[in-house]
Amino acid sequence: MPGRRAPKGGLGVTASSDNRRINRRPCMIKVSVLSGQWAFPCDVVDLSPTGCRIRIPEHRSLDDVVRLHFPRLREAVIADVVWRDGRFAGLRFRPKLGPVQMLD
């Protein structure tokens, strides 16, 4: 949440100023994720040219590298799983997506 500050005694960093260089935009895009030999649906809940945050179905695990199939892209996007917290995961794309590709 932009502008929300860390509790007293924290590092004094706002929630929007984490380690990202490019801000992510909220969205709701249904994608198919291939992790290992398993494919399953996920929701992309925020997106930037360099990565995204996905909501994962319960009881699903992710490999360190996954493939995302966006509805409007012809080829899968390869991404590194950077973090995981419950049903959410942060992914870093390789290579970067351009804004026209991801939001068309």
PDB file of N, CA and C in Angstrom:
ATOM      1  N   MET A   1       0.841  -1.173   0.000  1.00  0.00           N
ATOM      2  CA  MET A   1       0.000   0.000   0.000  1.00  0.00           C
ATOM      3  C   MET A   1       0.891   1.242   0.000  1.00  0.00           C
ATOM      4  N   PRO A   2       0.793   2.044  -1.023  1.00  0.00           N
ATOM      5  CA  PRO A   2       1.646   3.222  -1.109  1.00  0.00           C
ATOM      6  C   PRO A   2       1.477   4.144   0.083  1.00  0.00           C
ATOM      7  N   GLY A   3       2.605   4.646   0.554  1.00  0.00           N
ATOM      8  CA  GLY A   3       2.585   5.627   1.623  1.00  0.00           C
ATOM      9  C   GLY A   3       2.455   5.074   3.020  1.00  0.00           C
ATOM     10  N   ARG A   4       2.234   3.777   3.165  1.00  0.00           N
ATOM     11  CA  ARG A   4       2.108   3.209   4.495  1.00  0.00           C
ATOM     12  C   ARG A   4       3.490   3.067   5.114  1.00  0.00           C
ATOM     13  N   ARG A   5       3.659   3.541   6.319  1.00  0.00           N
ATOM     14  CA  ARG A   5       4.977   3.542   6.949  1.00  0.00           C
ATOM     15  C   ARG A   5       5.177   2.334   7.854  1.00  0.00           C
ATOM     16  N   ALA A   6       6.442   1.985   8.038  1.00  0.00           N
ATOM     17  CA  ALA A   6       6.791   0.890   8.940  1.00  0.00           C
ATOM     18  C   ALA A   6       6.454   1.285  10.368  1.00  0.00           C
ATOM     19  N   PRO A   7       6.158   0.306  11.232  1.00  0.00           N
ATOM     20  CA  PRO A   7       5.865   0.632  12.620  1.00  0.00           C
ATOM     21  C   PRO A   7       7.048   1.314  13.287  1.00  0.00           C
ATOM     22  N   LYS A   8       6.765   2.047  14.383  1.00  0.00           N
ATOM     23  CA  LYS A   8       7.811   2.730  15.133  1.00  0.00           C
ATOM     24  C   LYS A   8       8.915   1.742  15.499  1.00  0.00           C
ATOM     25  N   GLY A   9      10.135   2.169  15.355  1.00  0.00           N
ATOM     26  CA  GLY A   9      11.259   1.289  15.645  1.00  0.00           C
ATOM     27  C   GLY A   9      11.681   0.486  14.427  1.00  0.00           C
ATOM     28  N   GLY A  10      10.900   0.577  13.323  1.00  0.00           N
ATOM     29  CA  GLY A  10      11.235  -0.125  12.090  1.00  0.00           C
ATOM     30  C   GLY A  10      12.300   0.631  11.335  1.00  0.00           C
ATOM     31  N   LEU A  11      12.454   0.277  10.093  1.00  0.00           N
ATOM     32  CA  LEU A  11      13.492   0.896   9.280  1.00  0.00           C
ATOM     33  C   LEU A  11      13.062   2.225   8.685  1.00  0.00           C
ATOM     34  N   GLY A  12      11.788   2.602   8.883  1.00  0.00           N
ATOM     35  CA  GLY A  12      11.323   3.869   8.344  1.00  0.00           C
ATOM     36  C   GLY A  12      11.153   3.849   6.843  1.00  0.00           C
ATOM     37  N   VAL A  13      10.952   2.683   6.274  1.00  0.00           N
ATOM     38  CA  VAL A  13      10.785   2.536   4.841  1.00  0.00           C
ATOM     39  C   VAL A  13       9.308   2.391   4.553  1.00  0.00           C
ATOM     40  N   THR A  14       8.825   3.087   3.537  1.00  0.00           N
ATOM     41  CA  THR A  14       7.420   2.921   3.183  1.00  0.00           C
ATOM     42  C   THR A  14       7.250   1.609   2.444  1.00  0.00           C
ATOM     43  N   ALA A  15       6.042   1.076   2.490  1.00  0.00           N
ATOM     44  CA  ALA A  15       5.759  -0.197   1.837  1.00  0.00           C
ATOM     45  C   ALA A  15       5.967  -0.102   0.334  1.00  0.00           C
ATOM     46  N   SER A  16       5.813   1.087  -0.245  1.00  0.00           N
ATOM     47  CA  SER A  16       5.980   1.218  -1.687  1.00  0.00           C
ATOM     48  C   SER A  16       7.441   1.360  -2.101  1.00  0.00           C
ATOM     49  N   SER A  17       8.343   1.496  -1.151  1.00  0.00           N
ATOM     50  CA  SER A  17       9.746   1.693  -1.519  1.00  0.00           C
ATOM     51  C   SER A  17      10.572   0.457  -1.203  1.00  0.00           C
ATOM     52  N   ASP A  18      10.025  -0.733  -1.538  1.00  0.00           N
ATOM     53  CA  ASP A  18      10.809  -1.938  -1.347  1.00  0.00           C
ATOM     54  C   ASP A  18      11.905  -1.971  -2.401  1.00  0.00           C
ATOM     55  N   ASN A  19      12.482  -3.103  -2.697  1.00  0.00           N
ATOM     56  CA  ASN A  19      13.659  -3.170  -3.547  1.00  0.00           C
ATOM     57  C   ASN A  19      13.374  -3.098  -5.043  1.00  0.00           C
ATOM     58  N   ARG A  20      12.161  -2.819  -5.444  1.00  0.00           N
ATOM     59  CA  ARG A  20      11.831  -2.743  -6.860  1.00  0.00           C
ATOM     60  C   ARG A  20      12.255  -1.418  -7.455  1.00  0.00           C
ATOM     61  N   ARG A  21      12.751  -1.463  -8.689  1.00  0.00           N
ATOM     62  CA  ARG A  21      13.109  -0.231  -9.401  1.00  0.00           C
ATOM     63  C   ARG A  21      11.927   0.301 -10.189  1.00  0.00           C
ATOM     64  N   ILE A  22      11.015  -0.595 -10.564  1.00  0.00           N
ATOM     65  CA  ILE A  22       9.851  -0.218 -11.361  1.00  0.00           C
ATOM     66  C   ILE A  22       8.603  -0.604 -10.577  1.00  0.00           C
ATOM     67  N   ASN A  23       7.653   0.338 -10.440  1.00  0.00           N
ATOM     68  CA  ASN A  23       6.420   0.041  -9.724  1.00  0.00           C
ATOM     69  C   ASN A  23       5.558  -0.930 -10.516  1.00  0.00           C
ATOM     70  N   ARG A  24       4.875  -1.787  -9.781  1.00  0.00           N
ATOM     71  CA  ARG A  24       3.940  -2.716 -10.401  1.00  0.00           C
ATOM     72  C   ARG A  24       2.552  -2.103 -10.426  1.00  0.00           C
ATOM     73  N   ARG A  25       1.768  -2.482 -11.428  1.00  0.00           N
ATOM     74  CA  ARG A  25       0.400  -1.984 -11.570  1.00  0.00           C
ATOM     75  C   ARG A  25      -0.577  -3.083 -11.177  1.00  0.00           C
ATOM     76  N   PRO A  26      -1.589  -2.736 -10.368  1.00  0.00           N
ATOM     77  CA  PRO A  26      -2.600  -3.736 -10.011  1.00  0.00           C
ATOM     78  C   PRO A  26      -3.324  -4.218 -11.264  1.00  0.00           C
ATOM     79  N   CYS A  27      -3.668  -5.500 -11.285  1.00  0.00           N
ATOM     80  CA  CYS A  27      -4.387  -6.067 -12.410  1.00  0.00           C
ATOM     81  C   CYS A  27      -5.045  -7.368 -11.954  1.00  0.00           C
ATOM     82  N   MET A  28      -5.767  -8.000 -12.839  1.00  0.00           N
ATOM     83  CA  MET A  28      -6.306  -9.332 -12.588  1.00  0.00           C
ATOM     84  C   MET A  28      -6.287 -10.061 -13.922  1.00  0.00           C
ATOM     85  N   ILE A  29      -5.225 -10.846 -14.128  1.00  0.00           N
ATOM     86  CA  ILE A  29      -5.044 -11.571 -15.386  1.00  0.00           C
ATOM     87  C   ILE A  29      -4.940 -13.055 -15.070  1.00  0.00           C
ATOM     88  N   LYS A  30      -5.767 -13.846 -15.699  1.00  0.00           N
ATOM     89  CA  LYS A  30      -5.717 -15.306 -15.553  1.00  0.00           C
ATOM     90  C   LYS A  30      -4.593 -15.828 -16.437  1.00  0.00           C
ATOM     91  N   VAL A  31      -3.683 -16.594 -15.829  1.00  0.00           N
ATOM     92  CA  VAL A  31      -2.574 -17.186 -16.571  1.00  0.00           C
ATOM     93  C   VAL A  31      -2.496 -18.666 -16.233  1.00  0.00           C
ATOM     94  N   SER A  32      -1.770 -19.377 -17.050  1.00  0.00           N
ATOM     95  CA  SER A  32      -1.447 -20.771 -16.756  1.00  0.00           C
ATOM     96  C   SER A  32       0.026 -20.804 -16.371  1.00  0.00           C
ATOM     97  N   VAL A  33       0.329 -21.470 -15.263  1.00  0.00           N
ATOM     98  CA  VAL A  33       1.709 -21.566 -14.784  1.00  0.00           C
ATOM     99  C   VAL A  33       2.184 -23.001 -14.940  1.00  0.00           C
ATOM    100  N   LEU A  34       3.358 -23.158 -15.530  1.00  0.00           N
ATOM    101  CA  LEU A  34       3.991 -24.463 -15.635  1.00  0.00           C
ATOM    102  C   LEU A  34       5.152 -24.485 -14.658  1.00  0.00           C
ATOM    103  N   SER A  35       5.063 -25.371 -13.675  1.00  0.00           N
ATOM    104  CA  SER A  35       6.102 -25.512 -12.656  1.00  0.00           C
ATOM    105  C   SER A  35       6.503 -26.983 -12.622  1.00  0.00           C
ATOM    106  N   GLY A  36       7.723 -27.266 -13.061  1.00  0.00           N
ATOM    107  CA  GLY A  36       8.121 -28.669 -13.188  1.00  0.00           C
ATOM    108  C   GLY A  36       7.276 -29.313 -14.268  1.00  0.00           C
ATOM    109  N   GLN A  37       6.627 -30.413 -13.933  1.00  0.00           N
ATOM    110  CA  GLN A  37       5.772 -31.083 -14.920  1.00  0.00           C
ATOM    111  C   GLN A  37       4.295 -30.787 -14.709  1.00  0.00           C
ATOM    112  N   TRP A  38       3.981 -29.852 -13.809  1.00  0.00           N
ATOM    113  CA  TRP A  38       2.593 -29.526 -13.495  1.00  0.00           C
ATOM    114  C   TRP A  38       2.197 -28.163 -14.038  1.00  0.00           C
ATOM    115  N   ALA A  39       1.013 -28.087 -14.612  1.00  0.00           N
ATOM    116  CA  ALA A  39       0.455 -26.818 -15.071  1.00  0.00           C
ATOM    117  C   ALA A  39      -0.834 -26.565 -14.301  1.00  0.00           C
ATOM    118  N   PHE A  40      -1.050 -25.313 -13.899  1.00  0.00           N
ATOM    119  CA  PHE A  40      -2.257 -24.970 -13.155  1.00  0.00           C
ATOM    120  C   PHE A  40      -2.553 -23.486 -13.343  1.00  0.00           C
ATOM    121  N   PRO A  41      -3.825 -23.088 -13.160  1.00  0.00           N
ATOM    122  CA  PRO A  41      -4.198 -21.686 -13.334  1.00  0.00           C
ATOM    123  C   PRO A  41      -3.782 -20.844 -12.134  1.00  0.00           C
ATOM    124  N   CYS A  42      -3.405 -19.606 -12.397  1.00  0.00           N
ATOM    125  CA  CYS A  42      -3.073 -18.627 -11.355  1.00  0.00           C
ATOM    126  C   CYS A  42      -3.617 -17.273 -11.786  1.00  0.00           C
ATOM    127  N   ASP A  43      -3.680 -16.358 -10.830  1.00  0.00           N
ATOM    128  CA  ASP A  43      -4.069 -14.980 -11.110  1.00  0.00           C
ATOM    129  C   ASP A  43      -2.858 -14.081 -10.933  1.00  0.00           C
ATOM    130  N   VAL A  44      -2.559 -13.262 -11.944  1.00  0.00           N
ATOM    131  CA  VAL A  44      -1.558 -12.205 -11.792  1.00  0.00           C
ATOM    132  C   VAL A  44      -2.299 -11.035 -11.155  1.00  0.00           C
ATOM    133  N   VAL A  45      -1.841 -10.589  -9.987  1.00  0.00           N
ATOM    134  CA  VAL A  45      -2.547  -9.531  -9.258  1.00  0.00           C
ATOM    135  C   VAL A  45      -1.847  -8.181  -9.341  1.00  0.00           C
ATOM    136  N   ASP A  46      -0.570  -8.161  -9.706  1.00  0.00           N
ATOM    137  CA  ASP A  46       0.088  -6.922 -10.089  1.00  0.00           C
ATOM    138  C   ASP A  46       1.220  -7.239 -11.046  1.00  0.00           C
ATOM    139  N   LEU A  47       1.581  -6.247 -11.851  1.00  0.00           N
ATOM    140  CA  LEU A  47       2.432  -6.509 -12.999  1.00  0.00           C
ATOM    141  C   LEU A  47       3.302  -5.306 -13.328  1.00  0.00           C
ATOM    142  N   SER A  48       4.538  -5.578 -13.751  1.00  0.00           N
ATOM    143  CA  SER A  48       5.440  -4.552 -14.280  1.00  0.00           C
ATOM    144  C   SER A  48       6.200  -5.175 -15.443  1.00  0.00           C
ATOM    145  N   PRO A  49       6.992  -4.397 -16.172  1.00  0.00           N
ATOM    146  CA  PRO A  49       7.789  -4.985 -17.251  1.00  0.00           C
ATOM    147  C   PRO A  49       8.826  -5.990 -16.750  1.00  0.00           C
ATOM    148  N   THR A  50       9.180  -5.952 -15.466  1.00  0.00           N
ATOM    149  CA  THR A  50      10.227  -6.828 -14.954  1.00  0.00           C
ATOM    150  C   THR A  50       9.717  -7.990 -14.111  1.00  0.00           C
ATOM    151  N   GLY A  51       8.447  -7.980 -13.712  1.00  0.00           N
ATOM    152  CA  GLY A  51       7.959  -9.062 -12.875  1.00  0.00           C
ATOM    153  C   GLY A  51       6.498  -8.920 -12.523  1.00  0.00           C
ATOM    154  N   CYS A  52       6.034  -9.824 -11.657  1.00  0.00           N
ATOM    155  CA  CYS A  52       4.639  -9.793 -11.249  1.00  0.00           C
ATOM    156  C   CYS A  52       4.467 -10.505  -9.911  1.00  0.00           C
ATOM    157  N   ARG A  53       3.273 -10.315  -9.338  1.00  0.00           N
ATOM    158  CA  ARG A  53       2.881 -11.061  -8.140  1.00  0.00           C
ATOM    159  C   ARG A  53       1.707 -11.920  -8.557  1.00  0.00           C
ATOM    160  N   ILE A  54       1.769 -13.220  -8.210  1.00  0.00           N
ATOM    161  CA  ILE A  54       0.692 -14.129  -8.566  1.00  0.00           C
ATOM    162  C   ILE A  54       0.044 -14.699  -7.313  1.00  0.00           C
ATOM    163  N   ARG A  55      -1.244 -15.029  -7.448  1.00  0.00           N
ATOM    164  CA  ARG A  55      -1.971 -15.762  -6.407  1.00  0.00           C
ATOM    165  C   ARG A  55      -2.037 -17.205  -6.880  1.00  0.00           C
ATOM    166  N   ILE A  56      -1.591 -18.107  -6.008  1.00  0.00           N
ATOM    167  CA  ILE A  56      -1.441 -19.519  -6.338  1.00  0.00           C
ATOM    168  C   ILE A  56      -2.575 -20.312  -5.703  1.00  0.00           C
ATOM    169  N   PRO A  57      -3.113 -21.314  -6.401  1.00  0.00           N
ATOM    170  CA  PRO A  57      -4.123 -22.168  -5.768  1.00  0.00           C
ATOM    171  C   PRO A  57      -3.543 -22.862  -4.524  1.00  0.00           C
ATOM    172  N   GLU A  58      -4.399 -23.156  -3.577  1.00  0.00           N
ATOM    173  CA  GLU A  58      -3.950 -23.842  -2.363  1.00  0.00           C
ATOM    174  C   GLU A  58      -3.267 -25.161  -2.722  1.00  0.00           C
ATOM    175  N   HIS A  59      -2.321 -25.544  -1.904  1.00  0.00           N
ATOM    176  CA  HIS A  59      -1.612 -26.825  -2.004  1.00  0.00           C
ATOM    177  C   HIS A  59      -0.816 -26.974  -3.296  1.00  0.00           C
ATOM    178  N   ARG A  60      -0.406 -25.877  -3.889  1.00  0.00           N
ATOM    179  CA  ARG A  60       0.457 -25.923  -5.069  1.00  0.00           C
ATOM    180  C   ARG A  60       1.837 -25.428  -4.681  1.00  0.00           C
ATOM    181  N   SER A  61       2.849 -26.091  -5.195  1.00  0.00           N
ATOM    182  CA  SER A  61       4.211 -25.630  -4.948  1.00  0.00           C
ATOM    183  C   SER A  61       4.771 -25.066  -6.254  1.00  0.00           C
ATOM    184  N   LEU A  62       5.828 -24.289  -6.124  1.00  0.00           N
ATOM    185  CA  LEU A  62       6.475 -23.690  -7.286  1.00  0.00           C
ATOM    186  C   LEU A  62       7.943 -24.074  -7.296  1.00  0.00           C
ATOM    187  N   ASP A  63       8.452 -24.406  -8.477  1.00  0.00           N
ATOM    188  CA  ASP A  63       9.886 -24.574  -8.643  1.00  0.00           C
ATOM    189  C   ASP A  63      10.543 -23.198  -8.593  1.00  0.00           C
ATOM    190  N   ASP A  64      11.855 -23.163  -8.613  1.00  0.00           N
ATOM    191  CA  ASP A  64      12.575 -21.890  -8.596  1.00  0.00           C
ATOM    192  C   ASP A  64      12.381 -21.097  -9.885  1.00  0.00           C
ATOM    193  N   VAL A  65      12.108 -21.797 -10.976  1.00  0.00           N
ATOM    194  CA  VAL A  65      11.855 -21.165 -12.271  1.00  0.00           C
ATOM    195  C   VAL A  65      10.540 -21.722 -12.804  1.00  0.00           C
ATOM    196  N   VAL A  66       9.673 -20.823 -13.287  1.00  0.00           N
ATOM    197  CA  VAL A  66       8.371 -21.230 -13.823  1.00  0.00           C
ATOM    198  C   VAL A  66       8.163 -20.613 -15.199  1.00  0.00           C
ATOM    199  N   ARG A  67       7.164 -21.117 -15.916  1.00  0.00           N
ATOM    200  CA  ARG A  67       6.745 -20.548 -17.198  1.00  0.00           C
ATOM    201  C   ARG A  67       5.318 -20.067 -17.048  1.00  0.00           C
ATOM    202  N   LEU A  68       5.069 -18.839 -17.472  1.00  0.00           N
ATOM    203  CA  LEU A  68       3.718 -18.285 -17.438  1.00  0.00           C
ATOM    204  C   LEU A  68       3.197 -18.163 -18.858  1.00  0.00           C
ATOM    205  N   HIS A  69       1.953 -18.562 -19.051  1.00  0.00           N
ATOM    206  CA  HIS A  69       1.301 -18.420 -20.347  1.00  0.00           C
ATOM    207  C   HIS A  69       0.225 -17.359 -20.204  1.00  0.00           C
ATOM    208  N   PHE A  70       0.531 -16.139 -20.696  1.00  0.00           N
ATOM    209  CA  PHE A  70      -0.425 -15.032 -20.696  1.00  0.00           C
ATOM    210  C   PHE A  70      -1.353 -15.209 -21.895  1.00  0.00           C
ATOM    211  N   PRO A  71      -2.638 -14.890 -21.742  1.00  0.00           N
ATOM    212  CA  PRO A  71      -3.592 -15.101 -22.832  1.00  0.00           C
ATOM    213  C   PRO A  71      -3.231 -14.402 -24.137  1.00  0.00           C
ATOM    214  N   ARG A  72      -2.604 -13.234 -24.081  1.00  0.00           N
ATOM    215  CA  ARG A  72      -2.346 -12.464 -25.304  1.00  0.00           C
ATOM    216  C   ARG A  72      -0.927 -12.603 -25.852  1.00  0.00           C
ATOM    217  N   LEU A  73      -0.112 -13.409 -25.204  1.00  0.00           N
ATOM    218  CA  LEU A  73       1.255 -13.600 -25.703  1.00  0.00           C
ATOM    219  C   LEU A  73       1.352 -14.956 -26.386  1.00  0.00           C
ATOM    220  N   ARG A  74       2.096 -15.006 -27.466  1.00  0.00           N
ATOM    221  CA  ARG A  74       2.242 -16.264 -28.207  1.00  0.00           C
ATOM    222  C   ARG A  74       3.169 -17.234 -27.499  1.00  0.00           C
ATOM    223  N   GLU A  75       4.189 -16.706 -26.841  1.00  0.00           N
ATOM    224  CA  GLU A  75       5.182 -17.565 -26.197  1.00  0.00           C
ATOM    225  C   GLU A  75       5.085 -17.443 -24.683  1.00  0.00           C
ATOM    226  N   ALA A  76       5.504 -18.486 -24.003  1.00  0.00           N
ATOM    227  CA  ALA A  76       5.529 -18.467 -22.540  1.00  0.00           C
ATOM    228  C   ALA A  76       6.602 -17.501 -22.057  1.00  0.00           C
ATOM    229  N   VAL A  77       6.372 -16.929 -20.891  1.00  0.00           N
ATOM    230  CA  VAL A  77       7.338 -16.047 -20.242  1.00  0.00           C
ATOM    231  C   VAL A  77       8.017 -16.849 -19.136  1.00  0.00           C
ATOM    232  N   ILE A  78       9.322 -16.877 -19.154  1.00  0.00           N
ATOM    233  CA  ILE A  78      10.081 -17.582 -18.119  1.00  0.00           C
ATOM    234  C   ILE A  78      10.336 -16.611 -16.982  1.00  0.00           C
ATOM    235  N   ALA A  79      10.151 -17.092 -15.741  1.00  0.00           N
ATOM    236  CA  ALA A  79      10.313 -16.212 -14.576  1.00  0.00           C
ATOM    237  C   ALA A  79      10.973 -16.957 -13.423  1.00  0.00           C
ATOM    238  N   ASP A  80      11.786 -16.218 -12.667  1.00  0.00           N
ATOM    239  CA  ASP A  80      12.375 -16.735 -11.429  1.00  0.00           C
ATOM    240  C   ASP A  80      11.435 -16.421 -10.279  1.00  0.00           C
ATOM    241  N   VAL A  81      11.228 -17.389  -9.397  1.00  0.00           N
ATOM    242  CA  VAL A  81      10.435 -17.152  -8.187  1.00  0.00           C
ATOM    243  C   VAL A  81      11.368 -16.485  -7.185  1.00  0.00           C
ATOM    244  N   VAL A  82      11.068 -15.228  -6.848  1.00  0.00           N
ATOM    245  CA  VAL A  82      11.932 -14.434  -5.973  1.00  0.00           C
ATOM    246  C   VAL A  82      11.519 -14.585  -4.515  1.00  0.00           C
ATOM    247  N   TRP A  83      10.218 -14.673  -4.258  1.00  0.00           N
ATOM    248  CA  TRP A  83       9.716 -14.856  -2.898  1.00  0.00           C
ATOM    249  C   TRP A  83       8.391 -15.596  -2.944  1.00  0.00           C
ATOM    250  N   ARG A  84       8.032 -16.177  -1.807  1.00  0.00           N
ATOM    251  CA  ARG A  84       6.759 -16.880  -1.664  1.00  0.00           C
ATOM    252  C   ARG A  84       6.228 -16.591  -0.274  1.00  0.00           C
ATOM    253  N   ASP A  85       4.944 -16.235  -0.170  1.00  0.00           N
ATOM    254  CA  ASP A  85       4.309 -15.961   1.113  1.00  0.00           C
ATOM    255  C   ASP A  85       2.888 -16.495   1.048  1.00  0.00           C
ATOM    256  N   GLY A  86       2.678 -17.678   1.594  1.00  0.00           N
ATOM    257  CA  GLY A  86       1.359 -18.297   1.556  1.00  0.00           C
ATOM    258  C   GLY A  86       0.930 -18.564   0.128  1.00  0.00           C
ATOM    259  N   ARG A  87      -0.202 -17.984  -0.260  1.00  0.00           N
ATOM    260  CA  ARG A  87      -0.743 -18.210  -1.598  1.00  0.00           C
ATOM    261  C   ARG A  87      -0.246 -17.193  -2.628  1.00  0.00           C
ATOM    262  N   PHE A  88       0.729 -16.371  -2.281  1.00  0.00           N
ATOM    263  CA  PHE A  88       1.261 -15.378  -3.208  1.00  0.00           C
ATOM    264  C   PHE A  88       2.736 -15.640  -3.467  1.00  0.00           C
ATOM    265  N   ALA A  89       3.191 -15.247  -4.660  1.00  0.00           N
ATOM    266  CA  ALA A  89       4.614 -15.365  -5.003  1.00  0.00           C
ATOM    267  C   ALA A  89       4.994 -14.182  -5.878  1.00  0.00           C
ATOM    268  N   GLY A  90       6.232 -13.731  -5.712  1.00  0.00           N
ATOM    269  CA  GLY A  90       6.794 -12.677  -6.549  1.00  0.00           C
ATOM    270  C   GLY A  90       7.697 -13.291  -7.592  1.00  0.00           C
ATOM    271  N   LEU A  91       7.495 -12.901  -8.842  1.00  0.00           N
ATOM    272  CA  LEU A  91       8.262 -13.452  -9.954  1.00  0.00           C
ATOM    273  C   LEU A  91       9.032 -12.358 -10.672  1.00  0.00           C
ATOM    274  N   ARG A  92      10.233 -12.682 -11.116  1.00  0.00           N
ATOM    275  CA  ARG A  92      11.046 -11.772 -11.931  1.00  0.00           C
ATOM    276  C   ARG A  92      11.153 -12.391 -13.317  1.00  0.00           C
ATOM    277  N   PHE A  93      10.704 -11.634 -14.340  1.00  0.00           N
ATOM    278  CA  PHE A  93      10.721 -12.142 -15.702  1.00  0.00           C
ATOM    279  C   PHE A  93      12.130 -12.186 -16.259  1.00  0.00           C
ATOM    280  N   ARG A  94      12.367 -13.135 -17.170  1.00  0.00           N
ATOM    281  CA  ARG A  94      13.551 -13.128 -17.997  1.00  0.00           C
ATOM    282  C   ARG A  94      13.162 -13.535 -19.398  1.00  0.00           C
ATOM    283  N   PRO A  95      13.398 -12.753 -20.390  1.00  0.00           N
ATOM    284  CA  PRO A  95      13.789 -11.353 -20.376  1.00  0.00           C
ATOM    285  C   PRO A  95      12.601 -10.463 -20.023  1.00  0.00           C
ATOM    286  N   LYS A  96      12.849  -9.163 -19.938  1.00  0.00           N
ATOM    287  CA  LYS A  96      11.807  -8.215 -19.548  1.00  0.00           C
ATOM    288  C   LYS A  96      10.702  -8.138 -20.601  1.00  0.00           C
ATOM    289  N   LEU A  97       9.483  -7.972 -20.129  1.00  0.00           N
ATOM    290  CA  LEU A  97       8.343  -7.714 -21.014  1.00  0.00           C
ATOM    291  C   LEU A  97       8.234  -6.218 -21.233  1.00  0.00           C
ATOM    292  N   GLY A  98       7.828  -5.823 -22.393  1.00  0.00           N
ATOM    293  CA  GLY A  98       7.566  -4.420 -22.641  1.00  0.00           C
ATOM    294  C   GLY A  98       6.139  -4.067 -22.239  1.00  0.00           C
ATOM    295  N   PRO A  99       5.874  -2.806 -21.893  1.00  0.00           N
ATOM    296  CA  PRO A  99       4.547  -2.403 -21.463  1.00  0.00           C
ATOM    297  C   PRO A  99       3.460  -2.690 -22.490  1.00  0.00           C
ATOM    298  N   VAL A 100       3.773  -2.584 -23.775  1.00  0.00           N
ATOM    299  CA  VAL A 100       2.774  -2.849 -24.799  1.00  0.00           C
ATOM    300  C   VAL A 100       2.394  -4.319 -24.788  1.00  0.00           C
ATOM    301  N   GLN A 101       3.354  -5.203 -24.643  1.00  0.00           N
ATOM    302  CA  GLN A 101       3.081  -6.630 -24.621  1.00  0.00           C
ATOM    303  C   GLN A 101       2.204  -7.021 -23.450  1.00  0.00           C
ATOM    304  N   MET A 102       2.475  -6.514 -22.263  1.00  0.00           N
ATOM    305  CA  MET A 102       1.804  -7.012 -21.081  1.00  0.00           C
ATOM    306  C   MET A 102       0.419  -6.426 -20.884  1.00  0.00           C
ATOM    307  N   LEU A 103       0.135  -5.248 -21.404  1.00  0.00           N
ATOM    308  CA  LEU A 103      -1.142  -4.604 -21.113  1.00  0.00           C
ATOM    309  C   LEU A 103      -2.083  -4.545 -22.309  1.00  0.00           C
ATOM    310  N   ASP A 104      -1.677  -5.030 -23.475  1.00  0.00           N
ATOM    311  CA  ASP A 104      -2.565  -5.029 -24.649  1.00  0.00           C
ATOM    312  C   ASP A 104      -3.748  -5.947 -24.419  1.00  0.00           C
TER     313      ASP A 104
END
